[in-house]
Protein backbone atom coordinates (compact mmCIF):
# COMPACT_ATOMS: atom_id res chain seq x y z
CA UNK A 1 107.69 117.67 14.44
CA UNK A 2 108.07 118.43 18.12
CA UNK A 3 105.00 117.90 20.25
CA UNK A 4 103.24 121.03 21.36
CA UNK A 5 100.83 121.84 24.14
CA UNK A 6 97.25 123.01 23.58
CA UNK A 7 98.29 126.66 23.75
CA UNK A 8 100.73 126.06 20.94
CA UNK A 9 103.91 126.29 23.02
CA UNK A 10 106.31 123.44 22.80
CA UNK A 11 106.19 121.19 25.83
CA UNK A 12 109.41 120.55 27.59
CA UNK A 13 109.72 117.23 29.37
CA UNK A 14 112.02 117.56 32.43
CA UNK A 15 113.40 114.56 34.26
CA UNK A 16 113.31 114.62 38.05
CA UNK A 17 116.73 114.45 39.64
CA UNK A 18 117.56 111.23 41.44
CA UNK A 19 117.16 111.41 45.24
CA UNK A 20 120.54 110.18 46.23
CA UNK A 21 122.55 110.81 49.36
CA UNK A 22 126.04 111.94 48.64
CA UNK A 23 128.64 109.44 49.74
CA UNK A 24 130.20 110.17 53.05
CA UNK A 25 127.19 112.11 54.46
CA UNK A 26 126.03 110.61 57.81
CA UNK A 27 122.34 109.64 58.23
CA UNK A 28 120.05 111.90 60.19
CA UNK A 29 119.43 111.19 63.93
CA UNK A 30 116.74 108.57 64.44
CA UNK A 31 117.03 107.23 60.89
CA UNK A 32 118.11 103.70 60.22
CA UNK A 33 121.68 103.49 59.07
CA UNK A 34 122.35 102.25 55.54
CA UNK A 35 122.44 98.50 55.34
CA UNK A 36 119.88 98.05 58.24
CA UNK A 37 122.40 98.69 61.02
CA UNK A 38 121.22 99.54 64.62
CA UNK A 39 121.23 103.25 65.57
CA UNK A 40 124.03 104.29 67.85
CA UNK A 41 121.65 105.59 70.58
CA UNK A 42 119.69 102.35 70.96
CA UNK A 43 122.33 100.29 72.88
CA UNK A 44 122.87 103.12 75.35
CA UNK A 45 119.11 103.48 75.87
CA UNK A 46 118.74 99.75 76.50
CA UNK A 47 121.62 99.74 79.00
CA UNK A 48 120.13 102.76 80.79
CA UNK A 49 116.68 101.12 80.99
CA UNK A 50 118.15 97.89 82.35
CA UNK A 51 120.20 99.85 84.90
CA UNK A 52 117.10 101.71 86.11
CA UNK A 53 115.11 98.47 86.43
CA UNK A 54 117.97 96.83 88.36
CA UNK A 55 118.26 99.85 90.68
CA UNK A 56 114.50 99.79 91.35
CA UNK A 57 114.54 96.07 92.09
CA UNK A 58 117.54 96.46 94.38
CA UNK A 59 115.95 99.38 96.23
CA UNK A 60 112.66 97.49 96.63
CA UNK A 61 114.47 94.42 97.95
CA UNK A 62 116.52 96.51 100.41
CA UNK A 63 113.41 98.35 101.62
CA UNK A 64 111.55 95.09 102.30
CA UNK A 65 114.58 93.70 104.10
CA UNK A 66 114.93 96.81 106.27
CA UNK A 67 111.22 97.29 107.04
CA UNK A 68 111.59 95.80 110.52
CA UNK A 69 114.54 98.04 111.33
CA UNK A 70 112.74 101.14 110.04
CA UNK A 71 109.69 100.36 112.19
CA UNK A 72 111.92 99.91 115.25
CA UNK A 73 113.60 103.26 114.54
CA UNK A 74 110.17 104.91 114.22
CA UNK A 75 109.08 103.47 117.58
CA UNK A 76 112.34 104.59 119.14
CA UNK A 77 111.92 108.11 117.76
CA UNK A 78 108.44 108.52 119.27
CA UNK A 79 109.62 107.02 122.57
CA UNK A 80 112.49 109.53 122.62
CA UNK A 81 110.02 112.35 121.95
CA UNK A 82 107.90 111.11 124.86
CA UNK A 83 110.78 111.20 127.38
CA UNK A 84 112.27 114.40 125.96
CA UNK A 85 110.47 116.76 128.42
CA UNK A 86 111.63 114.81 131.48
CA UNK A 87 115.21 114.55 130.19
CA UNK A 88 115.35 118.25 129.26
CA UNK A 89 113.98 119.25 132.67
CA UNK A 90 116.64 117.21 134.46
CA UNK A 91 119.37 118.50 132.15
CA UNK A 92 118.29 122.11 132.79
CA UNK A 93 119.03 121.58 136.49
CA UNK A 94 122.67 120.80 135.81
CA UNK A 95 122.60 117.04 135.27
CA UNK A 96 124.39 115.60 132.28
CA UNK A 97 121.98 114.69 129.50
CA UNK A 98 123.28 111.13 129.17
CA UNK A 99 122.85 110.48 132.90
CA UNK A 100 119.37 112.02 132.88
CA UNK A 101 118.35 109.80 129.97
CA UNK A 102 119.73 106.74 131.75
CA UNK A 103 117.78 107.52 134.94
CA UNK A 104 114.53 108.02 133.02
CA UNK A 105 114.89 104.74 131.11
CA UNK A 106 115.99 102.91 134.25
CA UNK A 107 112.84 104.06 136.05
CA UNK A 108 110.66 102.97 133.12
CA UNK A 109 112.38 99.57 133.07
CA UNK A 110 111.78 99.05 136.78
CA UNK A 111 108.09 99.92 136.47
CA UNK A 112 107.55 97.66 133.44
CA UNK A 113 109.48 94.76 134.95
CA UNK A 114 107.52 95.00 138.21
CA UNK A 115 104.21 95.08 136.39
CA UNK A 116 105.11 92.08 134.22
CA UNK A 117 106.32 90.14 137.27
CA UNK A 118 103.13 90.81 139.22
CA UNK A 119 100.94 90.00 136.23
CA UNK A 120 102.87 86.80 135.53
CA UNK A 121 102.56 85.64 139.14
CA UNK A 122 98.84 86.39 139.08
CA UNK A 123 98.31 84.43 135.88
CA UNK A 124 100.43 81.53 137.13
CA UNK A 125 98.45 81.37 140.37
CA UNK A 126 95.15 81.42 138.54
CA UNK A 127 96.28 78.72 136.11
CA UNK A 128 97.41 76.49 139.00
CA UNK A 129 94.10 77.08 140.77
CA UNK A 130 92.14 76.21 137.64
CA UNK A 131 94.19 73.02 137.11
CA UNK A 132 93.66 71.95 140.70
CA UNK A 133 89.94 72.59 140.48
CA UNK A 134 89.55 71.02 137.04
CA UNK A 135 88.38 67.60 138.39
CA UNK A 136 85.60 69.32 140.37
CA UNK A 137 84.52 71.31 137.31
CA UNK A 138 84.57 68.14 135.24
CA UNK A 139 82.51 66.23 137.82
CA UNK A 140 79.89 68.96 137.98
CA UNK A 141 79.70 69.05 134.18
CA UNK A 142 79.34 65.24 133.98
CA UNK A 143 76.62 65.22 136.63
CA UNK A 144 74.70 67.97 134.83
CA UNK A 145 75.00 66.08 131.52
CA UNK A 146 73.82 62.79 133.06
CA UNK A 147 70.83 64.42 134.71
CA UNK A 148 69.85 66.46 131.67
CA UNK A 149 70.35 63.92 128.87
CA UNK A 150 69.91 60.73 130.96
CA UNK A 151 73.39 59.41 130.16
CA UNK A 152 75.83 57.36 132.23
CA UNK A 153 79.11 59.15 131.68
CA UNK A 154 82.02 58.60 134.07
CA UNK A 155 85.09 60.75 134.64
CA UNK A 156 87.46 57.78 134.39
CA UNK A 157 86.13 56.82 130.96
CA UNK A 158 86.46 60.40 129.71
CA UNK A 159 90.03 60.70 131.01
CA UNK A 160 91.02 57.40 129.41
CA UNK A 161 89.47 58.47 126.11
CA UNK A 162 91.32 61.76 126.18
CA UNK A 163 94.67 60.21 127.04
CA UNK A 164 94.47 57.62 124.24
CA UNK A 165 92.92 59.87 121.59
CA UNK A 166 94.72 60.59 118.31
CA UNK A 167 94.14 64.34 118.38
CA UNK A 168 95.89 64.62 121.77
CA UNK A 169 98.91 62.72 120.44
CA UNK A 170 99.06 64.95 117.35
CA UNK A 171 98.67 68.04 119.50
CA UNK A 172 101.60 67.00 121.71
CA UNK A 173 103.77 66.32 118.67
CA UNK A 174 102.92 69.67 117.11
CA UNK A 175 103.55 71.43 120.39
CA UNK A 176 106.95 69.77 120.73
CA UNK A 177 107.82 70.77 117.17
CA UNK A 178 106.70 74.36 117.81
CA UNK A 179 108.92 74.85 120.87
CA UNK A 180 111.80 75.95 118.65
CA UNK A 181 109.57 78.40 116.80
CA UNK A 182 108.37 79.90 120.07
CA UNK A 183 111.95 80.18 121.32
CA UNK A 184 113.00 81.90 118.11
CA UNK A 185 110.09 84.35 118.38
CA UNK A 186 110.98 85.14 121.99
CA UNK A 187 114.61 85.78 121.08
CA UNK A 188 113.53 87.91 118.14
CA UNK A 189 111.23 89.94 120.39
CA UNK A 190 114.02 90.50 122.91
CA UNK A 191 116.35 91.64 120.14
CA UNK A 192 113.74 94.08 118.81
CA UNK A 193 113.17 95.41 122.33
CA UNK A 194 116.91 95.92 122.76
CA UNK A 195 117.11 97.67 119.37
CA UNK A 196 114.25 100.03 120.22
CA UNK A 197 115.73 100.80 123.63
CA UNK A 198 119.18 101.52 122.20
CA UNK A 199 117.94 103.82 119.44
CA UNK A 200 115.53 105.65 121.74
CA UNK A 201 118.34 106.18 124.29
CA UNK A 202 120.59 107.74 121.64
CA UNK A 203 117.76 109.85 120.22
CA UNK A 204 116.93 111.23 123.68
CA UNK A 205 120.52 111.66 124.89
CA UNK A 206 121.80 113.23 121.65
CA UNK A 207 118.67 115.18 120.80
CA UNK A 208 120.40 118.61 120.57
CA UNK A 209 123.24 117.17 118.50
CA UNK A 210 120.78 115.46 116.18
CA UNK A 211 118.88 118.73 115.67
CA UNK A 212 122.11 120.61 114.96
CA UNK A 213 123.18 117.99 112.41
CA UNK A 214 119.80 118.16 110.71
CA UNK A 215 119.73 121.95 110.61
CA UNK A 216 123.31 122.20 109.31
CA UNK A 217 122.21 120.99 105.85
CA UNK A 218 119.20 123.35 105.61
CA UNK A 219 118.88 127.08 104.90
CA UNK A 220 117.97 129.33 107.87
CA UNK A 221 114.29 129.60 106.93
CA UNK A 222 113.93 125.82 106.77
CA UNK A 223 115.84 125.43 110.03
CA UNK A 224 113.21 127.46 111.90
CA UNK A 225 110.41 125.33 110.44
CA UNK A 226 112.16 122.06 111.34
CA UNK A 227 112.83 123.21 114.90
CA UNK A 228 109.20 124.34 115.26
CA UNK A 229 107.94 120.97 113.98
CA UNK A 230 110.29 119.17 116.39
CA UNK A 231 109.02 121.23 119.32
CA UNK A 232 105.39 120.56 118.37
CA UNK A 233 106.09 116.82 118.10
CA UNK A 234 107.71 116.79 121.55
CA UNK A 235 104.81 118.70 123.12
CA UNK A 236 102.10 116.58 121.52
CA UNK A 237 103.76 113.21 122.14
CA UNK A 238 104.65 114.07 125.72
CA UNK A 239 101.18 115.51 126.31
CA UNK A 240 99.57 112.41 124.85
CA UNK A 241 101.50 110.09 127.17
CA UNK A 242 100.91 112.39 130.15
CA UNK A 243 97.15 112.49 129.62
CA UNK A 244 96.99 108.75 128.95
CA UNK A 245 99.05 108.02 132.04
CA UNK A 246 96.79 110.17 134.20
CA UNK A 247 93.65 108.50 132.82
CA UNK A 248 95.28 105.08 133.34
CA UNK A 249 95.90 105.98 136.98
CA UNK A 250 92.28 107.06 137.51
CA UNK A 251 90.91 104.02 135.70
CA UNK A 252 93.17 101.64 137.62
CA UNK A 253 92.12 103.11 140.99
CA UNK A 254 88.41 102.94 140.12
CA UNK A 255 88.57 99.30 138.98
CA UNK A 256 90.75 98.36 141.97
CA UNK A 257 88.15 99.72 144.39
CA UNK A 258 85.40 97.73 142.66
CA UNK A 259 87.37 94.47 142.64
CA UNK A 260 88.51 94.94 146.25
CA UNK A 261 84.94 95.52 147.44
CA UNK A 262 83.77 92.34 145.69
CA UNK A 263 86.66 90.33 147.12
CA UNK A 264 88.18 89.40 143.76
CA UNK A 265 91.78 88.17 144.19
CA UNK A 266 94.75 90.12 142.80
CA UNK A 267 92.73 93.33 142.75
CA UNK A 268 95.78 95.69 142.66
CA UNK A 269 97.37 93.95 139.68
CA UNK A 270 94.05 93.77 137.84
CA UNK A 271 93.52 97.48 138.45
CA UNK A 272 96.93 98.28 136.94
CA UNK A 273 96.18 95.95 134.03
CA UNK A 274 92.87 97.64 133.25
CA UNK A 275 94.38 101.11 133.52
CA UNK A 276 97.31 100.49 131.17
CA UNK A 277 95.59 98.34 128.56
CA UNK A 278 92.47 100.49 128.38
CA UNK A 279 94.45 103.68 127.73
CA UNK A 280 97.31 102.56 125.54
CA UNK A 281 95.28 100.34 123.21
CA UNK A 282 92.91 102.81 121.55
CA UNK A 283 89.19 102.32 120.86
CA UNK A 284 88.80 98.71 122.04
CA UNK A 285 91.36 98.68 124.84
CA UNK A 286 88.78 99.12 127.58
CA UNK A 287 86.83 96.01 126.61
CA UNK A 288 90.00 93.95 126.11
CA UNK A 289 91.25 95.07 129.51
CA UNK A 290 87.94 94.21 131.18
CA UNK A 291 87.97 90.62 129.90
CA UNK A 292 90.63 89.45 132.38
CA UNK A 293 88.94 90.86 135.52
CA UNK A 294 85.65 89.38 134.32
CA UNK A 295 87.29 85.96 133.99
CA UNK A 296 88.84 86.15 137.45
CA UNK A 297 85.58 87.40 138.96
CA UNK A 298 83.70 84.54 137.29
CA UNK A 299 85.81 82.03 139.24
CA UNK A 300 84.60 83.66 142.46
CA UNK A 301 80.94 84.19 141.52
CA UNK A 302 79.34 84.28 138.05
CA UNK A 303 77.30 87.33 139.04
CA UNK A 304 80.50 89.20 139.85
CA UNK A 305 81.48 88.97 136.19
CA UNK A 306 78.19 90.66 135.24
CA UNK A 307 78.85 93.46 137.73
CA UNK A 308 82.36 93.96 136.35
CA UNK A 309 81.00 94.14 132.80
CA UNK A 310 78.41 96.74 133.78
CA UNK A 311 81.01 98.83 135.60
CA UNK A 312 83.37 98.70 132.60
CA UNK A 313 80.64 99.94 130.24
CA UNK A 314 79.50 102.74 132.59
CA UNK A 315 83.07 103.88 133.30
CA UNK A 316 83.85 103.96 129.58
CA UNK A 317 80.97 106.38 128.99
CA UNK A 318 82.10 108.54 131.92
CA UNK A 319 85.62 108.62 130.55
CA UNK A 320 84.58 109.43 126.99
CA UNK A 321 82.18 112.26 127.79
CA UNK A 322 83.55 113.82 130.98
CA UNK A 323 87.08 112.81 131.86
CA UNK A 324 88.88 112.61 128.53
CA UNK A 325 87.72 115.98 127.06
CA UNK A 326 89.01 117.84 130.12
CA UNK A 327 92.37 116.09 130.26
CA UNK A 328 93.16 116.18 126.54
CA UNK A 329 91.85 119.68 125.80
CA UNK A 330 95.35 121.22 126.05
CA UNK A 331 97.49 118.25 125.05
CA UNK A 332 95.98 116.20 122.19
CA UNK A 333 92.90 118.10 121.09
CA UNK A 334 91.70 116.12 118.06
CA UNK A 335 88.20 115.10 117.05
CA UNK A 336 87.14 111.57 118.14
CA UNK A 337 86.33 110.65 114.53
CA UNK A 338 89.79 111.77 113.42
CA UNK A 339 91.38 109.80 116.25
CA UNK A 340 89.40 106.68 115.34
CA UNK A 341 90.28 107.02 111.65
CA UNK A 342 93.95 107.58 112.44
CA UNK A 343 94.01 104.44 114.60
CA UNK A 344 92.47 102.39 111.78
CA UNK A 345 94.94 103.80 109.25
CA UNK A 346 97.91 103.23 111.57
CA UNK A 347 96.81 99.66 112.23
CA UNK A 348 96.47 98.98 108.50
CA UNK A 349 99.95 100.37 107.83
CA UNK A 350 102.02 99.21 110.81
CA UNK A 351 99.79 96.94 112.88
CA UNK A 352 99.79 97.40 116.66
CA UNK A 353 102.70 99.83 116.45
CA UNK A 354 100.75 102.05 114.09
CA UNK A 355 97.75 102.01 116.44
CA UNK A 356 99.95 103.26 119.30
CA UNK A 357 101.70 106.10 117.46
CA UNK A 358 98.82 107.12 115.19
CA UNK A 359 97.18 109.59 117.59
CA UNK A 360 100.33 111.55 118.58
CA UNK A 361 101.45 111.59 114.94
CA UNK A 362 98.11 112.99 113.74
CA UNK A 363 98.03 115.48 116.62
CA UNK A 364 101.52 116.69 115.67
CA UNK A 365 100.55 117.05 112.02
CA UNK A 366 97.35 118.88 112.93
CA UNK A 367 99.18 121.32 115.20
CA UNK A 368 101.91 121.91 112.60
CA UNK A 369 99.39 122.61 109.84
CA UNK A 370 97.33 124.80 112.15
CA UNK A 371 100.35 127.03 112.71
CA UNK A 372 100.73 127.73 108.97
CA UNK A 373 97.19 127.56 107.60
CA UNK A 374 95.59 130.99 107.42
CA UNK A 375 92.12 131.18 108.95
CA UNK A 376 89.38 133.76 108.39
CA UNK A 377 86.47 134.99 110.46
CA UNK A 378 83.30 132.99 109.82
CA UNK A 379 80.33 134.93 108.52
CA UNK A 380 77.28 135.25 110.74
CA UNK A 381 74.99 133.06 108.66
CA UNK A 382 72.19 130.87 110.10
CA UNK A 383 73.45 127.93 108.07
CA UNK A 384 76.72 128.01 110.00
CA UNK A 385 74.78 127.25 113.18
CA UNK A 386 72.79 124.44 111.55
CA UNK A 387 69.66 126.46 110.72
CA UNK A 388 68.20 126.50 107.23
CA UNK A 389 67.55 129.96 105.83
CA UNK A 390 64.04 130.73 104.57
CA UNK A 391 64.04 132.30 101.11
CA UNK A 392 61.28 134.85 100.32
CA UNK A 393 60.76 133.42 96.84
CA UNK A 394 57.08 132.58 97.39
CA UNK A 395 54.72 130.54 99.51
CA UNK A 396 55.65 127.05 100.43
CA UNK A 397 54.19 123.87 98.99
CA UNK A 398 51.85 123.42 101.97
CA UNK A 399 50.51 126.95 101.61
CA UNK A 400 49.93 126.53 97.88
CA UNK A 401 48.09 123.23 98.41
CA UNK A 402 45.86 124.79 101.07
CA UNK A 403 45.02 127.69 98.76
CA UNK A 404 44.12 125.37 95.91
CA UNK A 405 41.92 123.28 98.20
CA UNK A 406 40.03 126.36 99.44
CA UNK A 407 39.60 127.72 95.90
CA UNK A 408 41.98 130.61 96.28
CA UNK A 409 44.58 131.74 93.83
CA UNK A 410 48.21 131.88 94.91
CA UNK A 411 48.56 135.07 96.86
CA UNK A 412 45.26 134.82 98.76
CA UNK A 413 42.77 136.02 96.09
CA UNK A 414 39.48 134.18 95.79
CA UNK A 415 38.64 132.39 92.53
CA UNK A 416 35.73 134.05 90.62
């Protein structure tokens, strides 16, 4: 008797069909091939990943190798922007642009070479003077030590001890070994200077051609923006150097007059030194520049060094609050905090080079953004002018405390 279900109908037992893949049908994408074989896309993915990693490593290596060259090109570009107004003015009068660029760079080279020569002769003379007067300084120091500490030191014994000491012998050996390193650094510096000069000359001489080449690969709307940004960069960089050069001239004349009145030697060269270093090394350049005149003045009279220090501090305040705002109002008008932050950021990124080009770069970016950022009229609100608005929400805490102390309710009514 056939088995029946509870409702009396015969139950039919059906067998599930076997889940088999017909022979010859390819496996779905992403599924493992029969027999555990590797999918066809996996080798190509591995090769592509390895190729991307190799390209990234190669690009990173090339960038680190070319970092020095890129920094030199950046310096050359800003130097070309700085001399662009002078070159364009001479070219507008009929002079060939290449000749105008050569004359400008030749004049800069003469000025820099003359300044370095005068500064080197001053330093050499002071070093020779200090070496010649070293025995007198040593005798005065020995006499002061003997009188103060009741010792019996002699200059001959000290000289013999220094000449036969181990640290002097090691110092001479290390200095002899470091001569080659110093020579290599000097040659490397000369090569970098030549590279910067060559690139800056081509950037300044072929400025119009470079702009045409850059604009030829851009649509007309982008061309106008690029040319506007280029013009802003030229104006801001040239204005920055113009204002700094004028302040360097004023600072150099002021310090020269002070040093000449006190009778400090090499007063003209020291004035030029203070003017250039104080203006082209931001933030701390004034105090670095004042260290050398203080040292030279100390050799004449120790009190002269104190007078130089006081004059440097007073002149720095005069320059910051009176001279600089008037000269940079139309050229590089950026907030002092922004300038200080840009110098710190540039120093962290590119060292001394970043500190020099940080301010004109930020001024260019600020002017470029200011030309495209839409500004609105500011509402006439007391909080805009730094005044807190008084809200009529109720009496203040002081008023409420006084009312409670006098037995009044809030609002001035007397308690029953």
